[in-house]
Amino acid sequence: MTGELNFTGAGSKYIDVETLAGSNNLDIRHHNPTGNLFETAFRSTANGGTFLYYNGNTKFATTNTGISITGNITVSGTVDGRDIATDGTKLDTIATNADVTPSWVPSSDPSYLTAHPNISAASSVNNSGKTYIQDITLDSNGHVTGLVSDSLTGSDFIEPGSNGALNSLTCDTFNSEDSIAFNLDTDTNSTSTFVIKSDGSTLFSLDESGDLTIAGKFVSTYAAKASSGDILVDDGGEIKKRTTTELKTDLSLNNVPNTDATNASNLASGTVPISRLATTTIAKGGTGATTASGARTALGLGSAATSNTGDFATASHNHAASDIVTGTFADGRISESSVTQHEAALTITEGQLPDDMPSDKVKQICTTHHNFFMNSSSTTADFFVPFNNLNESSNPTNAQYYNRTVVPYGGRLVKIALHTTAAIGSACKVQFWKTNSSGTFATYTEELTGINLNTANSSDTATFSSSTFSAGDVVGVSIIKSASATANMQVTLVWEYTL
């Protein structure tokens, strides 16, 4: 086909080209009539790439990973927002100024920094065990050209602070008192200690404060000191040098002269234990008397008491009451008017009582018994013990006749015993009341707590200490349960009247 190919009308326009059988390429070629030559300008390969040619040479090709361009690319605009032409000029300038060779490198020797002389003659050194590098030889360029090693011996210097383990050390003879010196750290940051160990156990340690610790016995071959010399004393693991005077002070023997501590005549003061006294009779019986007759008199013995047992009859004598500290007096030795103590131990018969007893000396114990039913479940109300009623009252301000009684004498409420048929609590309370001028129980006089009636058919008691009253007072007793159960109660009150 020659000439132009025009499309008219709206819509998309397509050109479908069918290649010859057996061909995968679609080519667009220029035809040169002269010589009847064809030159490919465009080629598209089925399932392959697309190629643009210039004068028979591929300049642009699509591949399965992108595009391939042969030759230079000239850009008049930007690429992804960057002006590549301007940026390229900047990069050229940086490349020109990127020479960082130091000024001291001679220009005549461009390999100055990379050239290495031949040092193959320098051999390696094995530094295992006690071998160390002693000498290192360098050339003019600072390269190692030689190594010399040496080995430590027992006489070589050991570097301080190395924390190494020295298995053995042989030293020559030391000729002065300063031949051996260990300088321990004396700062305040830590404590340095010189330690000698055996099989991991410390045998000897000396710290910078001067404290010496030795495991095991301290054995000395020093000859014994004379009695006037110094003595070494083991004081709780510490060894102290003590003079004889200091040692006597330590043993509280300051009163013992230095001459003979075993002679009793040398004891000028202090008290000798009884076990150190002789078993022979003490002269004059220890009475302080100067004669035997005076001693017998001081001991209350007859003047004839000498040697026979029968002679030692006691003479009549008196003693102050303060002298009698043990024993029991016979009944005949105690006057009736002198009995003022131990009344609880006395038994008085009816015949010993006078016809008229003082009214403030006789005390009478009386008990009252109360059986009733607690018919309320309250654990806060005061349930008053009834005196002639089968149920309790829980209104302390109500002047009920059956929850109180009038006392005929002055005295006190001593005790209460309670029995319950049901568990009404382990922390019950009992209160003693006296009516006020209005005839009501306004404030209790004494309260007892911790009464345990938490088991059915159990009992508990409580003792009052300050529940006193006067003759004619109207009094009452109340119970506060700590559990809500109702129960049949048996209560006994113990009263003490002063007649």
Protein backbone atom coordinates (compact mmCIF):
# COMPACT_ATOMS: atom_id res chain seq x y z
CA MET A 1 0.00 0.00 0.00
CA THR A 2 1.30 3.44 -0.93
CA GLY A 3 -0.02 6.82 0.02
CA GLU A 4 -1.83 7.88 3.21
CA LEU A 5 -4.14 5.90 5.46
CA ASN A 6 -6.90 8.07 6.85
CA PHE A 7 -9.48 7.31 9.56
CA THR A 8 -12.77 9.16 9.74
CA GLY A 9 -15.62 9.05 12.15
CA ALA A 10 -15.76 8.92 15.97
CA GLY A 11 -14.39 6.18 18.22
CA SER A 12 -11.11 4.33 18.58
CA LYS A 13 -9.23 3.21 15.49
CA TYR A 14 -7.24 -0.02 15.28
CA ILE A 15 -4.80 -1.49 12.79
CA ASP A 16 -4.45 -5.23 13.07
CA VAL A 17 -1.43 -6.77 11.36
CA GLU A 18 -1.18 -10.45 10.94
CA THR A 19 2.31 -11.80 10.55
CA LEU A 20 3.15 -14.53 8.17
CA ALA A 21 2.98 -18.06 9.34
CA GLY A 22 6.11 -19.05 11.20
CA SER A 23 7.15 -15.42 11.96
CA ASN A 24 7.01 -13.83 15.50
CA ASN A 25 8.18 -10.35 14.45
CA LEU A 26 6.30 -7.31 13.26
CA ASP A 27 8.67 -4.95 11.47
CA ILE A 28 8.22 -1.44 10.09
CA ARG A 29 10.89 -0.83 7.47
CA HIS A 30 11.96 1.97 5.16
CA HIS A 31 12.12 1.06 1.47
CA ASN A 32 14.87 2.54 -0.61
CA PRO A 33 13.81 2.14 -4.28
CA THR A 34 17.36 2.61 -5.34
CA GLY A 35 18.82 -0.81 -5.14
CA ASN A 36 15.50 -2.09 -3.79
CA LEU A 37 16.83 -2.00 -0.12
CA PHE A 38 14.78 -2.29 3.11
CA GLU A 39 15.93 -0.79 6.51
CA THR A 40 14.15 -1.78 9.78
CA ALA A 41 13.01 1.20 11.92
CA PHE A 42 10.70 -0.61 14.41
CA ARG A 43 10.29 -4.21 15.49
CA SER A 44 7.83 -5.85 17.86
CA THR A 45 8.29 -9.46 18.88
CA ALA A 46 5.34 -11.54 20.04
CA ASN A 47 5.67 -12.24 23.80
CA GLY A 48 8.97 -10.37 23.69
CA GLY A 49 10.44 -6.90 23.42
CA THR A 50 9.90 -3.83 21.30
CA PHE A 51 12.88 -2.19 19.60
CA LEU A 52 13.65 1.20 17.97
CA TYR A 53 16.51 1.40 15.54
CA TYR A 54 18.75 4.14 14.21
CA ASN A 55 20.48 3.41 10.96
CA GLY A 56 20.16 -0.30 11.62
CA ASN A 57 21.43 -0.11 15.27
CA THR A 58 19.19 -0.77 18.32
CA LYS A 59 18.92 2.35 20.49
CA PHE A 60 15.85 1.60 22.67
CA ALA A 61 14.50 -1.77 23.75
CA THR A 62 11.94 -3.01 26.27
CA THR A 63 12.84 -6.07 28.37
CA ASN A 64 11.11 -8.19 30.99
CA THR A 65 12.82 -6.11 33.75
CA GLY A 66 12.51 -2.61 32.24
CA ILE A 67 14.12 -0.75 29.33
CA SER A 68 17.58 -0.74 27.78
CA ILE A 69 19.06 2.35 26.13
CA THR A 70 22.20 2.35 24.00
CA GLY A 71 24.01 5.70 23.78
CA ASN A 72 23.62 9.01 25.61
CA ILE A 73 20.47 10.59 27.01
CA THR A 74 19.90 14.33 26.57
CA VAL A 75 17.27 15.84 28.93
CA SER A 76 16.00 19.42 28.54
CA GLY A 77 13.58 19.24 31.50
CA THR A 78 13.56 17.49 34.86
CA VAL A 79 13.40 13.86 35.86
CA ASP A 80 11.14 13.18 38.81
CA GLY A 81 11.42 16.83 39.74
CA ARG A 82 15.24 16.92 39.60
CA ASP A 83 17.25 19.04 37.13
CA ILE A 84 19.75 16.37 36.13
CA ALA A 85 21.83 18.73 33.94
CA THR A 86 22.43 21.14 36.84
CA ASP A 87 23.04 18.33 39.35
CA GLY A 88 25.57 16.74 37.01
CA THR A 89 27.62 19.95 36.94
CA LYS A 90 27.74 19.92 40.74
CA LEU A 91 28.86 16.29 40.80
CA ASP A 92 31.65 17.05 38.33
CA THR A 93 32.91 19.82 40.66
CA ILE A 94 32.87 17.48 43.67
CA ALA A 95 34.79 14.81 41.77
CA THR A 96 37.42 17.35 40.80
CA ASN A 97 37.92 18.46 44.44
CA ALA A 98 37.79 14.95 45.93
CA ASP A 99 41.56 14.37 46.05
CA VAL A 100 42.36 13.89 49.77
CA THR A 101 46.00 12.94 49.42
CA PRO A 102 47.94 14.62 52.32
CA SER A 103 50.26 17.43 51.35
CA TRP A 104 53.23 15.66 52.90
CA VAL A 105 52.97 12.72 50.44
CA PRO A 106 55.75 13.23 47.87
CA SER A 107 54.32 13.71 44.42
CA SER A 108 57.20 11.71 43.00
CA ASP A 109 56.02 8.58 44.93
CA PRO A 110 52.27 8.15 44.43
CA SER A 111 52.41 4.68 46.04
CA TYR A 112 53.90 6.10 49.22
CA LEU A 113 50.95 5.09 51.40
CA THR A 114 50.36 1.66 49.93
CA ALA A 115 53.84 0.36 49.23
CA HIS A 116 55.23 -2.10 51.83
CA PRO A 117 58.88 -3.13 52.01
CA ASN A 118 59.66 -6.80 52.05
CA ILE A 119 59.61 -7.97 55.72
CA SER A 120 59.30 -11.65 55.06
CA ALA A 121 62.42 -12.23 57.16
CA ALA A 122 60.55 -11.17 60.36
CA SER A 123 59.32 -14.26 62.18
CA SER A 124 56.38 -14.67 64.59
CA VAL A 125 56.84 -15.19 68.34
CA ASN A 126 54.95 -17.68 70.52
CA ASN A 127 53.91 -15.83 73.72
CA SER A 128 52.49 -18.86 75.57
CA GLY A 129 53.52 -19.66 79.13
CA LYS A 130 56.14 -17.29 80.56
CA THR A 131 57.37 -16.10 77.12
CA TYR A 132 56.90 -12.44 76.30
CA ILE A 133 57.92 -10.04 73.50
CA GLN A 134 61.02 -8.16 74.61
CA ASP A 135 62.07 -6.14 71.52
CA ILE A 136 60.16 -4.86 68.44
CA THR A 137 62.10 -3.52 65.40
CA LEU A 138 60.44 -0.98 63.03
CA ASP A 139 61.60 0.38 59.68
CA SER A 140 61.52 4.04 58.60
CA ASN A 141 57.90 3.65 57.49
CA GLY A 142 56.78 2.26 60.88
CA HIS A 143 56.50 -1.34 59.72
CA VAL A 144 57.50 -4.20 62.06
CA THR A 145 60.59 -5.89 60.74
CA GLY A 146 61.70 -7.96 63.72
CA LEU A 147 60.56 -9.45 67.08
CA VAL A 148 62.72 -10.68 70.00
CA SER A 149 61.17 -12.78 72.84
CA ASP A 150 62.29 -13.80 76.32
CA SER A 151 60.97 -15.98 79.20
CA LEU A 152 60.38 -15.12 82.86
CA THR A 153 62.37 -16.81 85.61
CA GLY A 154 61.88 -17.03 89.37
CA SER A 155 64.05 -13.98 89.97
CA ASP A 156 62.20 -11.69 87.56
CA PHE A 157 60.04 -8.82 88.81
CA ILE A 158 56.30 -9.56 89.27
CA GLU A 159 54.09 -6.68 88.15
CA PRO A 160 51.94 -5.30 91.03
CA GLY A 161 48.17 -5.32 90.57
CA SER A 162 48.29 -8.16 88.04
CA ASN A 163 46.03 -10.34 90.25
CA GLY A 164 47.90 -13.34 88.88
CA ALA A 165 48.55 -16.57 90.71
CA LEU A 166 52.20 -17.28 91.52
CA ASN A 167 52.69 -21.00 92.04
CA SER A 168 56.12 -20.66 93.61
CA LEU A 169 58.72 -18.00 94.32
CA THR A 170 62.33 -18.45 95.33
CA CYS A 171 64.08 -15.38 96.78
CA ASP A 172 67.64 -14.69 97.64
CA THR A 173 68.78 -13.74 101.16
CA PHE A 174 67.39 -10.43 102.44
CA ASN A 175 70.02 -8.27 104.09
CA SER A 176 67.99 -5.51 105.80
CA GLU A 177 64.77 -5.03 107.75
CA ASP A 178 63.18 -3.38 104.71
CA SER A 179 64.06 -6.19 102.32
CA ILE A 180 60.40 -7.36 102.14
CA ALA A 181 57.74 -4.66 101.82
CA PHE A 182 54.10 -5.05 100.77
CA ASN A 183 52.37 -1.71 100.22
CA LEU A 184 48.61 -2.13 100.58
CA ASP A 185 46.12 0.36 99.17
CA THR A 186 45.34 3.03 101.79
CA ASP A 187 42.51 4.90 100.09
CA THR A 188 38.99 4.99 101.55
CA ASN A 189 37.27 3.42 98.56
CA SER A 190 38.02 -0.21 99.37
CA THR A 191 40.00 -2.42 101.73
CA SER A 192 43.11 -4.15 100.42
CA THR A 193 44.23 -7.37 102.05
CA PHE A 194 47.39 -9.45 101.78
CA VAL A 195 46.23 -13.08 101.71
CA ILE A 196 47.98 -16.47 101.77
CA LYS A 197 45.80 -19.42 100.71
CA SER A 198 46.12 -23.18 100.54
CA ASP A 199 43.75 -25.25 98.42
CA GLY A 200 41.38 -22.28 98.19
CA SER A 201 41.23 -21.71 102.00
CA THR A 202 42.65 -18.54 103.55
CA LEU A 203 45.41 -19.33 106.05
CA PHE A 204 46.75 -15.82 106.64
CA SER A 205 45.32 -12.36 105.92
CA LEU A 206 46.52 -8.86 106.77
CA ASP A 207 44.36 -5.87 105.83
CA GLU A 208 45.37 -2.24 105.46
CA SER A 209 43.98 -1.37 108.93
CA GLY A 210 46.53 -3.71 110.52
CA ASP A 211 44.14 -6.53 111.52
CA LEU A 212 45.84 -9.92 111.28
CA THR A 213 43.82 -13.13 110.93
CA ILE A 214 45.39 -16.57 111.21
CA ALA A 215 43.45 -19.77 110.61
CA GLY A 216 44.48 -22.55 112.94
CA LYS A 217 46.75 -22.39 115.97
CA PHE A 218 49.30 -19.70 116.72
CA VAL A 219 52.45 -21.63 117.57
CA SER A 220 55.36 -19.78 119.12
CA THR A 221 58.82 -21.19 119.85
CA TYR A 222 59.69 -18.15 121.96
CA ALA A 223 61.01 -19.05 125.43
CA ALA A 224 58.65 -18.53 128.42
CA LYS A 225 58.79 -15.13 130.08
CA ALA A 226 59.84 -14.63 133.67
CA SER A 227 57.09 -13.80 136.22
CA SER A 228 57.96 -10.12 136.05
CA GLY A 229 57.82 -9.95 132.27
CA ASP A 230 55.00 -9.62 129.77
CA ILE A 231 52.37 -12.31 129.21
CA LEU A 232 50.52 -13.10 126.00
CA VAL A 233 46.78 -13.51 126.60
CA ASP A 234 44.29 -15.03 124.16
CA ASP A 235 41.27 -12.71 124.33
CA GLY A 236 38.44 -14.07 122.14
CA GLY A 237 40.77 -14.92 119.28
CA GLU A 238 42.95 -11.82 119.73
CA ILE A 239 46.44 -11.99 121.25
CA LYS A 240 47.26 -9.17 123.66
CA LYS A 241 50.45 -8.37 125.50
CA ARG A 242 49.63 -7.95 129.20
CA THR A 243 51.88 -7.08 132.11
CA THR A 244 51.39 -8.88 135.42
CA THR A 245 49.58 -5.82 136.82
CA GLU A 246 47.24 -5.64 133.83
CA LEU A 247 46.61 -9.38 134.05
CA LYS A 248 45.67 -9.08 137.76
CA THR A 249 43.20 -6.34 136.85
CA ASP A 250 41.71 -8.54 134.13
CA LEU A 251 41.25 -11.36 136.68
CA SER A 252 40.01 -9.04 139.51
CA LEU A 253 43.07 -9.97 141.60
CA ASN A 254 44.23 -6.47 142.50
CA ASN A 255 44.07 -7.32 146.22
CA VAL A 256 46.47 -10.23 145.80
CA PRO A 257 50.13 -9.29 146.33
CA ASN A 258 52.65 -10.35 143.77
CA THR A 259 54.54 -12.51 146.26
CA ASP A 260 52.15 -15.42 146.90
CA ALA A 261 48.51 -15.45 145.81
CA THR A 262 47.91 -18.85 147.45
CA ASN A 263 48.63 -17.74 151.02
CA ALA A 264 45.43 -16.69 152.83
CA SER A 265 47.40 -14.34 155.08
CA ASN A 266 48.17 -12.19 152.06
CA LEU A 267 44.46 -11.44 151.45
CA ALA A 268 44.03 -7.99 152.96
CA SER A 269 40.46 -7.30 151.76
CA GLY A 270 37.46 -8.82 150.02
CA THR A 271 35.31 -11.82 150.94
CA VAL A 272 36.45 -15.44 150.87
CA PRO A 273 33.84 -17.90 149.49
CA ILE A 274 32.41 -20.32 152.03
CA SER A 275 33.85 -23.25 150.11
CA ARG A 276 37.34 -21.94 150.88
CA LEU A 277 36.81 -21.86 154.65
CA ALA A 278 38.23 -24.59 156.86
CA THR A 279 35.84 -27.16 158.30
CA THR A 280 37.16 -26.66 161.88
CA THR A 281 35.03 -24.91 164.51
CA ILE A 282 35.11 -21.13 164.29
CA ALA A 283 36.43 -19.66 167.52
CA LYS A 284 33.83 -18.25 169.92
CA GLY A 285 30.99 -19.54 167.71
CA GLY A 286 31.12 -16.53 165.42
CA THR A 287 29.43 -14.43 168.16
CA GLY A 288 32.12 -11.80 168.32
CA ALA A 289 32.70 -12.62 172.01
CA THR A 290 36.27 -12.62 173.28
CA THR A 291 35.78 -15.42 175.81
CA ALA A 292 34.10 -18.84 175.76
CA SER A 293 31.76 -17.77 178.53
CA GLY A 294 30.75 -14.72 176.55
CA ALA A 295 30.16 -16.86 173.48
CA ARG A 296 27.88 -19.22 175.48
CA THR A 297 25.94 -16.27 176.76
CA ALA A 298 25.59 -14.84 173.22
CA LEU A 299 24.34 -18.22 171.98
CA GLY A 300 21.79 -18.50 174.78
CA LEU A 301 23.51 -21.48 176.40
CA GLY A 302 23.82 -22.19 180.04
CA SER A 303 27.02 -21.20 181.74
CA ALA A 304 27.85 -24.86 182.32
CA ALA A 305 27.75 -25.81 178.66
CA THR A 306 31.23 -27.05 177.94
CA SER A 307 31.56 -30.43 176.30
CA ASN A 308 28.70 -32.78 177.29
CA THR A 309 25.60 -32.76 175.09
CA GLY A 310 23.32 -32.43 178.08
CA ASP A 311 25.09 -29.28 179.18
CA PHE A 312 23.82 -27.36 176.19
CA ALA A 313 20.48 -26.35 177.64
CA THR A 314 19.29 -23.02 176.35
CA ALA A 315 19.04 -20.21 178.84
CA SER A 316 16.04 -17.92 179.02
CA HIS A 317 16.45 -15.04 176.58
CA ASN A 318 14.49 -12.66 174.35
CA HIS A 319 14.60 -11.86 170.64
CA ALA A 320 13.26 -8.89 168.73
CA ALA A 321 10.40 -9.71 166.35
CA SER A 322 12.57 -8.66 163.40
CA ASP A 323 15.06 -11.42 164.34
CA ILE A 324 12.47 -14.16 163.70
CA VAL A 325 12.45 -14.78 159.94
CA THR A 326 11.59 -18.52 159.69
CA GLY A 327 9.71 -21.24 161.58
CA THR A 328 6.23 -21.39 163.16
CA PHE A 329 5.19 -20.03 166.57
CA ALA A 330 3.32 -22.24 169.01
CA ASP A 331 -0.29 -21.21 169.66
CA GLY A 332 0.53 -20.16 173.20
CA ARG A 333 3.12 -17.68 171.96
CA ILE A 334 0.55 -15.60 170.00
CA SER A 335 -1.69 -13.17 171.88
CA GLU A 336 -5.26 -12.72 170.75
CA SER A 337 -4.77 -9.00 170.19
CA SER A 338 -1.80 -9.65 167.91
CA VAL A 339 -3.79 -11.57 165.24
CA THR A 340 -4.09 -8.99 162.42
CA GLN A 341 -2.99 -10.95 159.35
CA HIS A 342 -3.73 -14.21 157.55
CA GLU A 343 -7.42 -14.11 158.37
CA ALA A 344 -8.16 -16.57 155.54
CA ALA A 345 -6.11 -19.23 157.37
CA LEU A 346 -7.96 -18.85 160.69
CA THR A 347 -10.77 -21.21 161.76
CA ILE A 348 -13.16 -19.51 164.18
CA THR A 349 -15.70 -21.56 166.10
CA GLU A 350 -19.13 -20.34 167.10
CA GLY A 351 -18.04 -20.08 170.67
CA GLN A 352 -15.30 -17.66 169.76
CA LEU A 353 -17.76 -15.16 168.31
CA PRO A 354 -19.10 -12.43 170.63
CA ASP A 355 -22.82 -11.85 171.01
CA ASP A 356 -22.71 -8.47 169.26
CA MET A 357 -20.58 -8.25 166.09
CA PRO A 358 -19.66 -4.82 164.60
CA SER A 359 -22.10 -4.05 161.78
CA ASP A 360 -19.30 -3.21 159.32
CA LYS A 361 -17.37 -6.45 159.86
CA VAL A 362 -19.83 -9.18 158.83
CA LYS A 363 -20.23 -10.03 155.14
CA GLN A 364 -22.93 -12.33 153.82
CA ILE A 365 -23.03 -14.10 150.45
CA CYS A 366 -26.45 -14.50 148.85
CA THR A 367 -27.43 -16.02 145.50
CA THR A 368 -30.50 -15.44 143.34
CA HIS A 369 -31.63 -17.74 140.54
CA HIS A 370 -33.36 -16.67 137.32
CA ASN A 371 -34.90 -18.95 134.67
CA PHE A 372 -36.42 -17.31 131.58
CA PHE A 373 -36.74 -17.40 127.78
CA MET A 374 -34.85 -14.89 125.57
CA ASN A 375 -37.41 -14.41 122.81
CA SER A 376 -35.68 -11.73 120.68
CA SER A 377 -32.99 -12.10 117.97
CA SER A 378 -31.43 -8.66 118.59
CA THR A 379 -27.65 -8.53 119.18
CA THR A 380 -27.61 -4.89 120.39
CA ALA A 381 -30.48 -4.61 122.87
CA ASP A 382 -29.99 -4.90 126.65
CA PHE A 383 -32.01 -7.93 127.80
CA PHE A 384 -32.66 -7.47 131.51
CA VAL A 385 -32.68 -10.54 133.73
CA PRO A 386 -36.18 -10.87 135.20
CA PHE A 387 -36.60 -11.40 138.93
CA ASN A 388 -40.17 -12.80 138.87
CA ASN A 389 -41.09 -13.14 135.21
CA LEU A 390 -40.50 -15.76 132.53
CA ASN A 391 -39.31 -13.35 129.80
CA GLU A 392 -36.65 -10.64 129.75
CA SER A 393 -37.28 -6.93 129.08
CA SER A 394 -35.33 -5.06 126.43
CA ASN A 395 -36.35 -1.52 127.44
CA PRO A 396 -33.94 -0.15 130.10
CA THR A 397 -35.90 3.09 130.48
CA ASN A 398 -39.14 1.27 131.17
CA ALA A 399 -39.71 1.00 134.90
CA GLN A 400 -40.82 -2.61 134.78
CA TYR A 401 -41.12 -4.11 138.22
CA TYR A 402 -39.85 -7.54 137.16
CA ASN A 403 -36.46 -6.50 135.70
CA ARG A 404 -35.04 -5.04 138.93
CA THR A 405 -34.75 -5.61 142.67
CA VAL A 406 -34.11 -3.50 145.77
CA VAL A 407 -31.09 -4.42 147.91
CA PRO A 408 -31.51 -4.57 151.71
CA TYR A 409 -27.87 -3.86 152.59
CA GLY A 410 -24.90 -2.17 151.05
CA GLY A 411 -22.46 -4.40 149.21
CA ARG A 412 -21.55 -5.50 145.73
CA LEU A 413 -22.45 -7.89 142.91
CA VAL A 414 -19.66 -10.48 142.94
CA LYS A 415 -20.31 -12.87 140.09
CA ILE A 416 -22.71 -14.09 137.41
CA ALA A 417 -23.08 -17.65 136.07
CA LEU A 418 -24.98 -18.19 132.81
CA HIS A 419 -26.27 -21.32 131.04
CA THR A 420 -27.89 -21.35 127.58
CA THR A 421 -29.79 -23.98 125.60
CA ALA A 422 -28.75 -22.45 122.25
CA ALA A 423 -25.64 -20.80 120.77
CA ILE A 424 -26.10 -17.06 121.41
CA GLY A 425 -22.52 -15.95 120.62
CA SER A 426 -18.90 -16.07 121.74
CA ALA A 427 -18.64 -12.34 122.63
CA CYS A 428 -21.67 -11.75 124.85
CA LYS A 429 -21.73 -8.90 127.39
CA VAL A 430 -23.17 -8.52 130.91
CA GLN A 431 -23.95 -5.12 132.51
CA PHE A 432 -24.77 -4.03 136.09
CA TRP A 433 -27.25 -1.13 136.45
CA LYS A 434 -28.54 1.18 139.19
CA THR A 435 -31.63 3.32 138.66
CA ASN A 436 -31.36 7.10 138.60
CA SER A 437 -33.58 9.60 140.36
CA SER A 438 -36.24 9.04 137.70
CA GLY A 439 -36.36 5.34 138.42
CA THR A 440 -34.85 4.25 135.07
CA PHE A 441 -31.65 2.45 134.06
CA ALA A 442 -29.90 5.29 132.22
CA THR A 443 -26.21 4.26 132.34
CA TYR A 444 -24.69 0.95 133.41
CA THR A 445 -22.19 0.91 136.28
CA GLU A 446 -19.94 -1.90 134.99
CA GLU A 447 -19.76 -3.99 131.81
CA LEU A 448 -18.11 -7.41 131.40
CA THR A 449 -17.22 -8.60 127.87
CA GLY A 450 -16.00 -11.75 126.13
CA ILE A 451 -18.54 -14.13 127.65
CA ASN A 452 -18.60 -17.26 125.49
CA LEU A 453 -22.03 -18.88 125.09
CA ASN A 454 -21.50 -19.99 121.51
CA THR A 455 -22.32 -23.65 122.20
CA ALA A 456 -25.76 -24.98 123.02
CA ASN A 457 -26.14 -26.26 126.61
CA SER A 458 -22.92 -24.58 127.73
CA SER A 459 -22.08 -22.30 130.66
CA ASP A 460 -19.72 -19.41 131.38
CA THR A 461 -19.03 -17.13 134.35
CA ALA A 462 -17.85 -13.58 134.83
CA THR A 463 -16.62 -11.71 137.92
CA PHE A 464 -17.49 -8.09 138.70
CA SER A 465 -14.99 -5.67 140.28
CA SER A 466 -16.81 -2.33 140.72
CA SER A 467 -20.52 -3.16 140.87
CA THR A 468 -21.20 -1.74 144.35
CA PHE A 469 -24.45 -0.47 145.83
CA SER A 470 -25.96 0.96 148.99
CA ALA A 471 -28.91 -0.22 151.03
CA GLY A 472 -32.16 0.71 149.26
CA ASP A 473 -30.68 1.00 145.76
CA VAL A 474 -32.71 -0.46 142.89
CA VAL A 475 -30.41 -2.57 140.74
CA GLY A 476 -30.61 -4.80 137.68
CA VAL A 477 -28.48 -6.98 135.38
CA SER A 478 -28.71 -7.12 131.57
CA ILE A 479 -27.32 -9.42 128.85
CA ILE A 480 -26.32 -8.48 125.27
CA LYS A 481 -26.09 -11.42 122.87
CA SER A 482 -23.56 -11.59 120.02
CA ALA A 483 -25.62 -14.08 117.96
CA SER A 484 -29.27 -13.91 116.95
CA ALA A 485 -30.48 -17.27 118.30
CA THR A 486 -33.19 -17.38 121.00
CA ALA A 487 -32.66 -19.59 124.03
CA ASN A 488 -33.87 -20.74 127.42
CA MET A 489 -31.54 -19.21 130.03
CA GLN A 490 -30.56 -20.14 133.59
CA VAL A 491 -28.73 -17.34 135.41
CA THR A 492 -27.34 -17.25 138.96
CA LEU A 493 -26.27 -13.94 140.57
CA VAL A 494 -23.88 -13.91 143.54
CA TRP A 495 -24.38 -10.94 145.92
CA GLU A 496 -22.23 -9.88 148.85
CA TYR A 497 -23.92 -7.87 151.61
CA THR A 498 -22.13 -6.04 154.41
CA LEU A 499 -24.35 -6.47 157.51
